[in-house]
C-alpha atoms as a PDB file:
ATOM      1  CA  MET A   1     -22.898 -25.091  19.916  1.00  0.00           C
ATOM      2  CA  LYS A   2     -21.858 -28.330  21.577  1.00  0.00           C
ATOM      3  CA  ILE A   3     -22.926 -29.341  25.077  1.00  0.00           C
ATOM      4  CA  ALA A   4     -22.198 -32.407  27.180  1.00  0.00           C
ATOM      5  CA  GLY A   5     -23.717 -34.419  29.996  1.00  0.00           C
ATOM      6  CA  LEU A   6     -21.463 -36.520  32.244  1.00  0.00           C
ATOM      7  CA  ASP A   7     -22.432 -39.379  34.537  1.00  0.00           C
ATOM      8  CA  LEU A   8     -19.136 -39.904  36.342  1.00  0.00           C
ATOM      9  CA  SER A   9     -18.011 -43.005  38.180  1.00  0.00           C
ATOM     10  CA  ILE A  10     -14.627 -44.592  38.848  1.00  0.00           C
ATOM     11  CA  SER A  11     -15.565 -47.743  36.932  1.00  0.00           C
ATOM     12  CA  SER A  12     -17.890 -46.776  34.063  1.00  0.00           C
ATOM     13  CA  SER A  13     -18.551 -43.126  33.282  1.00  0.00           C
ATOM     14  CA  GLY A  14     -21.124 -42.234  30.642  1.00  0.00           C
ATOM     15  CA  VAL A  15     -20.775 -39.219  28.320  1.00  0.00           C
ATOM     16  CA  ILE A  16     -23.253 -37.578  25.942  1.00  0.00           C
ATOM     17  CA  VAL A  17     -22.286 -34.841  23.475  1.00  0.00           C
ATOM     18  CA  GLU A  18     -25.022 -32.951  21.628  1.00  0.00           C
ATOM     19  CA  ASP A  19     -24.518 -30.698  18.597  1.00  0.00           C
ATOM     20  CA  LEU A  20     -27.143 -27.934  18.692  1.00  0.00           C
ATOM     21  CA  ASP A  21     -28.425 -25.523  16.059  1.00  0.00           C
ATOM     22  CA  GLU A  22     -29.082 -21.814  16.658  1.00  0.00           C
ATOM     23  CA  ASN A  23     -32.424 -22.652  18.349  1.00  0.00           C
ATOM     24  CA  LEU A  24     -30.736 -25.252  20.554  1.00  0.00           C
ATOM     25  CA  ASN A  25     -32.385 -28.157  18.787  1.00  0.00           C
ATOM     26  CA  VAL A  26     -30.326 -31.346  18.566  1.00  0.00           C
ATOM     27  CA  GLU A  27     -28.681 -31.838  15.184  1.00  0.00           C
ATOM     28  CA  ASP A  28     -26.518 -34.757  16.267  1.00  0.00           C
ATOM     29  CA  VAL A  29     -25.909 -36.716  19.453  1.00  0.00           C
ATOM     30  CA  LYS A  30     -23.048 -39.016  20.347  1.00  0.00           C
ATOM     31  CA  CYS A  31     -22.534 -41.300  23.330  1.00  0.00           C
ATOM     32  CA  PHE A  32     -19.301 -42.520  24.880  1.00  0.00           C
ATOM     33  CA  GLY A  33     -18.493 -44.860  27.714  1.00  0.00           C
ATOM     34  CA  PHE A  34     -16.373 -47.637  29.156  1.00  0.00           C
ATOM     35  CA  THR A  35     -16.735 -51.380  29.523  1.00  0.00           C
ATOM     36  CA  THR A  36     -14.887 -54.275  31.105  1.00  0.00           C
ATOM     37  CA  LYS A  37     -16.519 -56.681  28.626  1.00  0.00           C
ATOM     38  CA  LYS A  38     -14.497 -57.098  25.451  1.00  0.00           C
ATOM     39  CA  LYS A  39     -17.570 -57.988  23.352  1.00  0.00           C
ATOM     40  CA  LEU A  40     -19.058 -54.523  23.963  1.00  0.00           C
ATOM     41  CA  GLU A  41     -16.013 -52.643  22.693  1.00  0.00           C
ATOM     42  CA  SER A  42     -16.666 -50.186  19.841  1.00  0.00           C
ATOM     43  CA  ASP A  43     -15.375 -46.887  18.491  1.00  0.00           C
ATOM     44  CA  ASN A  44     -17.094 -44.987  21.296  1.00  0.00           C
ATOM     45  CA  ILE A  45     -17.152 -47.636  24.041  1.00  0.00           C
ATOM     46  CA  ILE A  46     -13.640 -48.111  25.417  1.00  0.00           C
ATOM     47  CA  TYR A  47     -12.708 -51.521  26.769  1.00  0.00           C
ATOM     48  CA  TYR A  48     -10.267 -51.843  29.654  1.00  0.00           C
ATOM     49  CA  ASN A  49      -8.988 -54.598  31.915  1.00  0.00           C
ATOM     50  CA  THR A  50      -8.326 -53.542  35.493  1.00  0.00           C
ATOM     51  CA  LYS A  51      -5.374 -55.955  35.619  1.00  0.00           C
ATOM     52  CA  ASN A  52      -3.545 -53.835  33.050  1.00  0.00           C
ATOM     53  CA  PHE A  53      -3.097 -50.899  35.445  1.00  0.00           C
ATOM     54  CA  ASN A  54      -0.393 -50.642  38.097  1.00  0.00           C
ATOM     55  CA  SER A  55      -2.596 -48.548  40.393  1.00  0.00           C
ATOM     56  CA  GLU A  56      -6.048 -47.043  40.737  1.00  0.00           C
ATOM     57  CA  TYR A  57      -4.619 -43.663  39.749  1.00  0.00           C
ATOM     58  CA  GLU A  58      -3.278 -45.059  36.499  1.00  0.00           C
ATOM     59  CA  ARG A  59      -6.772 -46.334  35.683  1.00  0.00           C
ATOM     60  CA  TYR A  60      -8.334 -42.996  36.684  1.00  0.00           C
ATOM     61  CA  MET A  61      -6.038 -41.102  34.353  1.00  0.00           C
ATOM     62  CA  PHE A  62      -6.778 -43.540  31.524  1.00  0.00           C
ATOM     63  CA  CYS A  63     -10.502 -42.772  31.849  1.00  0.00           C
ATOM     64  CA  ILE A  64     -10.041 -39.049  32.484  1.00  0.00           C
ATOM     65  CA  LYS A  65      -7.947 -38.637  29.336  1.00  0.00           C
ATOM     66  CA  HIS A  66     -10.724 -40.140  27.212  1.00  0.00           C
ATOM     67  CA  ILE A  67     -13.489 -38.111  28.899  1.00  0.00           C
ATOM     68  CA  LEU A  68     -11.692 -34.793  28.492  1.00  0.00           C
ATOM     69  CA  ASP A  69     -10.940 -35.590  24.843  1.00  0.00           C
ATOM     70  CA  TRP A  70     -14.587 -36.496  24.092  1.00  0.00           C
ATOM     71  CA  ILE A  71     -15.870 -33.149  25.380  1.00  0.00           C
ATOM     72  CA  LYS A  72     -12.996 -30.859  24.389  1.00  0.00           C
ATOM     73  CA  ASP A  73     -15.159 -28.929  21.892  1.00  0.00           C
ATOM     74  CA  CYS A  74     -18.143 -28.441  24.238  1.00  0.00           C
ATOM     75  CA  GLU A  75     -18.986 -24.971  25.549  1.00  0.00           C
ATOM     76  CA  TYR A  76     -21.317 -26.132  28.347  1.00  0.00           C
ATOM     77  CA  VAL A  77     -20.857 -29.255  30.458  1.00  0.00           C
ATOM     78  CA  SER A  78     -23.314 -30.653  32.995  1.00  0.00           C
ATOM     79  CA  VAL A  79     -22.429 -33.194  35.670  1.00  0.00           C
ATOM     80  CA  GLU A  80     -24.357 -35.111  38.298  1.00  0.00           C
ATOM     81  CA  ASP A  81     -23.507 -33.462  41.609  1.00  0.00           C
ATOM     82  CA  TYR A  82     -21.957 -35.385  44.475  1.00  0.00           C
ATOM     83  CA  GLY A  83     -24.303 -37.749  46.304  1.00  0.00           C
ATOM     84  CA  PHE A  84     -23.540 -36.891  49.910  1.00  0.00           C
ATOM     85  CA  ALA A  85     -25.392 -39.984  51.121  1.00  0.00           C
ATOM     86  CA  SER A  86     -23.208 -42.255  48.985  1.00  0.00           C
ATOM     87  CA  THR A  87     -21.423 -45.168  50.572  1.00  0.00           C
ATOM     88  CA  GLY A  88     -18.468 -47.294  49.539  1.00  0.00           C
ATOM     89  CA  MET A  89     -15.591 -45.701  47.622  1.00  0.00           C
ATOM     90  CA  VAL A  90     -16.983 -42.189  47.968  1.00  0.00           C
ATOM     91  CA  PHE A  91     -13.575 -40.569  48.532  1.00  0.00           C
ATOM     92  CA  ASN A  92     -12.164 -42.265  45.441  1.00  0.00           C
ATOM     93  CA  LEU A  93     -15.085 -40.904  43.404  1.00  0.00           C
ATOM     94  CA  ALA A  94     -14.552 -37.425  44.861  1.00  0.00           C
ATOM     95  CA  GLU A  95     -10.899 -37.473  43.783  1.00  0.00           C
ATOM     96  CA  PHE A  96     -11.768 -38.744  40.312  1.00  0.00           C
ATOM     97  CA  GLU A  97     -14.688 -36.385  39.774  1.00  0.00           C
ATOM     98  CA  GLY A  98     -12.913 -33.418  41.343  1.00  0.00           C
ATOM     99  CA  PHE A  99      -9.984 -33.733  38.946  1.00  0.00           C
ATOM    100  CA  ILE A 100     -12.337 -33.709  35.963  1.00  0.00           C
ATOM    101  CA  LYS A 101     -14.298 -30.704  37.252  1.00  0.00           C
ATOM    102  CA  ILE A 102     -11.150 -28.688  37.915  1.00  0.00           C
ATOM    103  CA  SER A 103      -9.761 -29.610  34.480  1.00  0.00           C
ATOM    104  CA  LEU A 104     -12.998 -28.474  32.829  1.00  0.00           C
ATOM    105  CA  TYR A 105     -13.009 -25.242  34.824  1.00  0.00           C
ATOM    106  CA  ASN A 106      -9.400 -24.505  33.871  1.00  0.00           C
ATOM    107  CA  SER A 107     -10.174 -25.148  30.197  1.00  0.00           C
ATOM    108  CA  GLY A 108     -12.895 -22.475  30.243  1.00  0.00           C
ATOM    109  CA  LYS A 109     -16.008 -24.658  30.145  1.00  0.00           C
ATOM    110  CA  LYS A 110     -19.280 -23.363  31.589  1.00  0.00           C
ATOM    111  CA  LEU A 111     -20.269 -25.891  34.251  1.00  0.00           C
ATOM    112  CA  ARG A 112     -23.562 -26.917  35.804  1.00  0.00           C
ATOM    113  CA  PHE A 113     -23.991 -29.506  38.554  1.00  0.00           C
ATOM    114  CA  TYR A 114     -27.426 -31.108  38.981  1.00  0.00           C
ATOM    115  CA  ALA A 115     -28.629 -33.003  42.057  1.00  0.00           C
ATOM    116  CA  ILE A 116     -29.339 -36.658  41.344  1.00  0.00           C
ATOM    117  CA  ASN A 117     -32.980 -36.427  42.482  1.00  0.00           C
ATOM    118  CA  SER A 118     -33.537 -33.420  40.218  1.00  0.00           C
ATOM    119  CA  ILE A 119     -32.113 -35.320  37.245  1.00  0.00           C
ATOM    120  CA  LYS A 120     -34.475 -38.230  37.869  1.00  0.00           C
ATOM    121  CA  LYS A 121     -37.470 -35.935  38.371  1.00  0.00           C
ATOM    122  CA  PHE A 122     -36.650 -33.978  35.219  1.00  0.00           C
ATOM    123  CA  PHE A 123     -36.336 -37.130  33.126  1.00  0.00           C
ATOM    124  CA  THR A 124     -39.074 -39.387  34.517  1.00  0.00           C
ATOM    125  CA  GLY A 125     -41.197 -37.140  36.733  1.00  0.00           C
ATOM    126  CA  ASN A 126     -40.120 -39.070  39.836  1.00  0.00           C
ATOM    127  CA  GLY A 127     -37.107 -38.042  41.881  1.00  0.00           C
ATOM    128  CA  LEU A 128     -36.818 -41.560  43.301  1.00  0.00           C
ATOM    129  CA  SER A 129     -36.786 -43.407  39.969  1.00  0.00           C
ATOM    130  CA  ASP A 130     -34.612 -46.494  39.685  1.00  0.00           C
ATOM    131  CA  LYS A 131     -32.490 -47.531  36.699  1.00  0.00           C
ATOM    132  CA  ILE A 132     -35.310 -49.517  35.086  1.00  0.00           C
ATOM    133  CA  SER A 133     -37.540 -46.429  35.073  1.00  0.00           C
ATOM    134  CA  MET A 134     -34.735 -44.375  33.534  1.00  0.00           C
ATOM    135  CA  TYR A 135     -34.206 -47.060  30.875  1.00  0.00           C
ATOM    136  CA  GLN A 136     -37.926 -47.268  30.097  1.00  0.00           C
ATOM    137  CA  GLU A 137     -38.179 -43.481  29.762  1.00  0.00           C
ATOM    138  CA  PHE A 138     -35.173 -43.423  27.447  1.00  0.00           C
ATOM    139  CA  THR A 139     -36.555 -46.142  25.163  1.00  0.00           C
ATOM    140  CA  LYS A 140     -39.954 -44.473  24.763  1.00  0.00           C
ATOM    141  CA  ARG A 141     -38.667 -40.954  24.084  1.00  0.00           C
ATOM    142  CA  ASP A 142     -39.269 -39.892  20.485  1.00  0.00           C
ATOM    143  CA  CYS A 143     -36.303 -37.602  19.934  1.00  0.00           C
ATOM    144  CA  LYS A 144     -32.743 -37.614  18.677  1.00  0.00           C
ATOM    145  CA  LYS A 145     -30.896 -39.899  21.037  1.00  0.00           C
ATOM    146  CA  PRO A 146     -27.888 -42.223  20.869  1.00  0.00           C
ATOM    147  CA  ASP A 147     -28.299 -45.731  19.511  1.00  0.00           C
ATOM    148  CA  ILE A 148     -27.613 -48.095  22.411  1.00  0.00           C
ATOM    149  CA  SER A 149     -29.454 -51.073  20.947  1.00  0.00           C
ATOM    150  CA  TYR A 150     -26.205 -53.052  20.911  1.00  0.00           C
ATOM    151  CA  LEU A 151     -25.768 -52.641  24.673  1.00  0.00           C
ATOM    152  CA  PRO A 152     -27.355 -54.889  27.335  1.00  0.00           C
ATOM    153  CA  GLU A 153     -30.930 -54.094  28.366  1.00  0.00           C
ATOM    154  CA  CYS A 154     -31.518 -52.788  31.874  1.00  0.00           C
ATOM    155  CA  GLU A 155     -33.462 -55.478  33.731  1.00  0.00           C
ATOM    156  CA  ASN A 156     -33.080 -54.503  37.379  1.00  0.00           C
ATOM    157  CA  GLY A 157     -33.302 -51.390  39.504  1.00  0.00           C
ATOM    158  CA  HIS A 158     -29.551 -51.233  40.028  1.00  0.00           C
ATOM    159  CA  GLY A 159     -28.964 -50.832  36.322  1.00  0.00           C
ATOM    160  CA  VAL A 160     -26.327 -52.326  34.055  1.00  0.00           C
ATOM    161  CA  GLN A 161     -22.861 -50.951  33.403  1.00  0.00           C
ATOM    162  CA  THR A 162     -22.408 -48.771  30.309  1.00  0.00           C
ATOM    163  CA  THR A 163     -26.109 -48.823  29.332  1.00  0.00           C
ATOM    164  CA  SER A 164     -27.327 -47.093  32.493  1.00  0.00           C
ATOM    165  CA  ASP A 165     -24.332 -44.749  32.523  1.00  0.00           C
ATOM    166  CA  ILE A 166     -25.105 -43.493  29.022  1.00  0.00           C
ATOM    167  CA  ILE A 167     -28.820 -43.106  29.793  1.00  0.00           C
ATOM    168  CA  ASP A 168     -28.046 -41.089  32.925  1.00  0.00           C
ATOM    169  CA  ALA A 169     -25.632 -38.910  30.940  1.00  0.00           C
ATOM    170  CA  PHE A 170     -28.345 -38.351  28.324  1.00  0.00           C
ATOM    171  CA  ALA A 171     -30.793 -37.228  31.035  1.00  0.00           C
ATOM    172  CA  ILE A 172     -28.167 -34.834  32.421  1.00  0.00           C
ATOM    173  CA  CYS A 173     -27.418 -33.402  28.971  1.00  0.00           C
ATOM    174  CA  GLU A 174     -31.119 -32.922  28.183  1.00  0.00           C
ATOM    175  CA  PHE A 175     -31.554 -31.159  31.546  1.00  0.00           C
ATOM    176  CA  LEU A 176     -28.805 -28.746  30.494  1.00  0.00           C
ATOM    177  CA  ARG A 177     -30.333 -28.204  27.058  1.00  0.00           C
ATOM    178  CA  LYS A 178     -33.717 -27.441  28.610  1.00  0.00           C
ATOM    179  CA  GLU A 179     -32.103 -24.916  30.962  1.00  0.00           C
ATOM    180  CA  LEU A 180     -30.345 -23.203  28.055  1.00  0.00           C
ATOM    181  CA  ARG A 181     -33.541 -23.092  25.980  1.00  0.00           C
ATOM    182  CA  ILE A 182     -35.456 -21.482  28.843  1.00  0.00           C
ATOM    183  CA  LYS A 183     -32.687 -19.011  29.650  1.00  0.00           C
ATOM    184  CA  ASN A 184     -32.494 -18.011  25.981  1.00  0.00           C
ATOM    185  CA  GLY A 185     -36.263 -17.477  25.726  1.00  0.00           C
ATOM    186  CA  ILE A 186     -36.803 -20.348  23.275  1.00  0.00           C
ATOM    187  CA  GLU A 187     -39.095 -22.028  25.804  1.00  0.00           C
ATOM    188  CA  LEU A 188     -40.978 -20.558  28.754  1.00  0.00           C
ATOM    189  CA  LEU A 189     -40.828 -22.060  32.228  1.00  0.00           C
ATOM    190  CA  LYS A 190     -44.583 -21.588  32.691  1.00  0.00           C
ATOM    191  CA  ASP A 191     -45.219 -23.881  29.721  1.00  0.00           C
ATOM    192  CA  GLN A 192     -43.322 -26.809  31.248  1.00  0.00           C
ATOM    193  CA  ASN A 193     -44.972 -29.604  33.196  1.00  0.00           C
ATOM    194  CA  LYS A 194     -45.202 -29.322  36.975  1.00  0.00           C
ATOM    195  CA  LYS A 195     -42.249 -31.620  37.710  1.00  0.00           C
ATOM    196  CA  ILE A 196     -39.884 -29.757  35.405  1.00  0.00           C
ATOM    197  CA  ILE A 197     -40.933 -26.425  36.919  1.00  0.00           C
ATOM    198  CA  GLU A 198     -40.122 -27.870  40.335  1.00  0.00           C
ATOM    199  CA  CYS A 199     -36.662 -28.899  39.109  1.00  0.00           C
ATOM    200  CA  PHE A 200     -35.854 -25.308  38.164  1.00  0.00           C
ATOM    201  CA  ASN A 201     -37.476 -23.633  41.171  1.00  0.00           C
ATOM    202  CA  THR A 202     -36.272 -25.928  43.960  1.00  0.00           C
ATOM    203  CA  ILE A 203     -34.254 -24.152  46.645  1.00  0.00           C
ATOM    204  CA  THR A 204     -32.174 -25.960  49.289  1.00  0.00           C
ATOM    205  CA  LYS A 205     -29.570 -25.030  51.887  1.00  0.00           C
ATOM    206  CA  SER A 206     -26.811 -26.053  49.494  1.00  0.00           C
ATOM    207  CA  MET A 207     -28.513 -24.235  46.584  1.00  0.00           C
ATOM    208  CA  PRO A 208     -30.291 -21.133  47.954  1.00  0.00           C
ATOM    209  CA  GLU A 209     -31.335 -19.886  44.520  1.00  0.00           C
ATOM    210  CA  GLY A 210     -33.183 -21.490  41.617  1.00  0.00           C
ATOM    211  CA  LEU A 211     -31.305 -22.792  38.582  1.00  0.00           C
ATOM    212  CA  LEU A 212     -32.559 -20.074  36.266  1.00  0.00           C
ATOM    213  CA  THR A 213     -31.055 -17.310  38.419  1.00  0.00           C
ATOM    214  CA  LYS A 214     -27.904 -19.229  39.244  1.00  0.00           C
ATOM    215  CA  ASN A 215     -24.883 -18.494  37.079  1.00  0.00           C
ATOM    216  CA  PHE A 216     -22.900 -21.253  35.434  1.00  0.00           C
ATOM    217  CA  ILE A 217     -19.559 -21.984  37.066  1.00  0.00           C
ATOM    218  CA  SER A 218     -16.870 -20.595  34.827  1.00  0.00           C
ATOM    219  CA  LYS A 219     -13.625 -18.614  34.833  1.00  0.00           C
END
């Protein structure tokens, strides 16, 4: 099985694809992303110059094409849900992200959207973690994870393009893998730490049922 985690933005989306064995352990993990710095370009980090596009929509479609190609073989895809308190180009992000979600739905993927605070709490234990905390947690985790040693280090709470995007996507993908392992009886919710249990049991007005009873969005 292949699963994916997406951290979507109109400038620098991060993508993680994990190959899982029959027990949903990670056999291989790949990262993908975008950069506006030519020196960071690689096989899986796509360089682009904003001056090369005639419109924002041309740039969106350039990124969307790559994202959909990277995850075309994935059965499950998880995405950070909309941040309703976001400011700035929020409508542009909604258009960009909405197109990707609809494309994934139409292609038969099983979708899960996680709230940003839940992603942070799942990964670091603190729903208010900044980008440095996410980076520090990523670097200390002893597991199969993508090699991002060639990318810039995260040195401030706002994060750094490409590096932080990939780390956030990794957290989202691992959240999905944990959910699948619990739903398939490979792990038990009661055996998780308190913060992870809270992530799966949290109920809000926008999500009136816990994640483990909530169906994936699919055709």
